[in-house]
Protein backbone atom coordinates (compact mmCIF):
# COMPACT_ATOMS: atom_id res chain seq x y z
CA MET A 1 -12.21 -1.12 8.52
CA GLU A 2 -11.90 -3.01 5.28
CA ASP A 3 -11.41 -6.74 5.65
CA TYR A 4 -10.14 -7.53 2.17
CA ILE A 5 -7.28 -9.77 3.25
CA GLU A 6 -9.79 -12.61 3.61
CA SER A 7 -10.28 -12.38 -0.16
CA ALA A 8 -6.70 -13.52 -0.83
CA THR A 9 -7.05 -17.19 -1.74
CA ASP A 10 -4.28 -19.33 -0.25
CA GLY A 11 -2.54 -16.18 0.97
CA VAL A 12 -1.80 -14.91 -2.55
CA PHE A 13 -1.72 -11.17 -1.94
CA THR A 14 -1.85 -10.20 -5.62
CA GLU A 15 -5.37 -11.62 -5.86
CA LEU A 16 -6.55 -8.55 -3.97
CA LYS A 17 -6.00 -6.34 -7.03
CA ASP A 18 -9.71 -6.60 -7.92
CA ASP A 19 -11.01 -5.79 -4.44
CA GLN A 20 -12.43 -2.25 -4.36
CA GLY A 21 -11.35 -1.53 -0.77
CA PHE A 22 -7.80 -2.71 -1.44
CA ARG A 23 -7.61 -0.71 -4.67
CA ARG A 24 -8.81 2.40 -2.84
CA ASP A 25 -6.07 1.94 -0.23
CA LEU A 26 -3.44 1.36 -2.93
CA VAL A 27 -4.41 4.60 -4.66
CA ARG A 28 -4.33 6.49 -1.37
CA PHE A 29 -0.94 5.04 -0.45
CA PHE A 30 0.72 5.65 -3.81
CA SER A 31 -0.77 9.15 -4.17
CA GLY A 32 0.38 9.99 -0.64
CA ASP A 33 3.69 11.57 0.23
CA ARG A 34 5.63 8.29 0.29
CA TYR A 35 5.41 7.87 -3.51
CA ASN A 36 3.43 10.96 -4.54
CA TYR A 37 2.13 9.43 -7.77
CA SER A 38 -0.25 11.56 -9.78
CA ILE A 39 -3.68 10.21 -10.69
CA ASP A 40 -2.46 9.88 -14.29
CA GLU A 41 0.52 7.77 -13.17
CA ILE A 42 -1.78 5.59 -11.08
CA LYS A 43 -4.17 5.08 -14.00
CA GLU A 44 -1.26 4.29 -16.32
CA LYS A 45 0.15 1.68 -13.94
CA GLY A 46 -3.23 0.09 -13.24
CA ALA A 47 -4.31 -2.09 -10.32
CA GLU A 48 -2.20 -5.09 -11.26
CA ASN A 49 1.07 -3.13 -11.49
CA LEU A 50 0.31 -1.11 -8.35
CA THR A 51 -0.36 -4.33 -6.46
CA ALA A 52 2.91 -5.83 -7.68
CA GLU A 53 4.74 -2.62 -6.76
CA PHE A 54 3.25 -2.69 -3.26
CA VAL A 55 4.29 -6.33 -2.80
CA GLU A 56 7.81 -5.39 -3.89
CA HIS A 57 7.76 -2.45 -1.47
CA MET A 58 6.86 -4.80 1.37
CA ARG A 59 9.60 -7.26 0.38
CA LYS A 60 12.16 -4.46 0.49
CA GLN A 61 10.83 -3.35 3.85
CA SER A 62 11.24 -6.84 5.30
CA TRP A 63 14.97 -7.01 4.55
CA ASN A 64 16.00 -3.39 4.06
CA GLU A 65 16.07 -1.29 7.19
CA VAL A 66 16.30 1.95 5.15
CA THR A 67 12.94 1.24 3.51
CA ALA A 68 11.45 0.35 6.88
CA LEU A 69 12.77 3.60 8.37
CA LYS A 70 11.41 5.64 5.45
CA ASP A 71 7.99 4.03 6.01
CA TYR A 72 8.20 4.74 9.72
CA ASN A 73 9.13 8.37 9.09
CA TYR A 74 6.30 8.65 6.58
CA VAL A 75 3.78 7.36 9.12
CA ILE A 76 4.93 9.58 12.00
CA ASN A 77 5.48 12.74 9.92
CA LYS A 78 2.65 15.12 10.79
CA ASP A 79 3.01 16.75 7.35
CA SER A 80 2.32 13.51 5.44
CA LYS A 81 -1.00 13.26 3.63
CA ARG A 82 -3.30 11.55 6.13
CA LYS A 83 -5.15 9.41 3.56
CA GLY A 84 -1.89 7.90 2.34
CA VAL A 85 -0.70 7.13 5.86
CA ASP A 86 -4.07 5.65 6.84
CA ALA A 87 -4.07 3.47 3.72
CA LEU A 88 -0.58 2.12 4.46
CA GLU A 89 -1.54 1.40 8.06
CA LYS A 90 -4.72 -0.44 6.98
CA VAL A 91 -2.87 -2.64 4.49
CA LEU A 92 -0.11 -3.39 6.99
CA MET A 93 -2.64 -4.29 9.68
CA HIS A 94 -4.22 -6.81 7.33
CA LEU A 95 -0.85 -8.36 6.59
CA VAL A 96 -0.09 -9.05 10.23
CA ASP A 97 -3.57 -10.23 11.30
């Protein structure tokens, strides 16, 4: 399992945007069924914007039960793209370690 959370200096999550493992998980998450971004959309947004968008997603999840439920349904849905689900789970595990 990737251990990129240690790379975040002083807990600043956005510093992970340059970490290859984190970027790979971002791409897998955003190209998964939860957001379903195309590769072109991902390239257009870039690592910095995807990182900021993920941080915003997590902020919404922490105070918005609808977002949390959508994430839960995404993770348990057997039809969801496995790479996207795995990527979300890996990032979330790093956040709570």
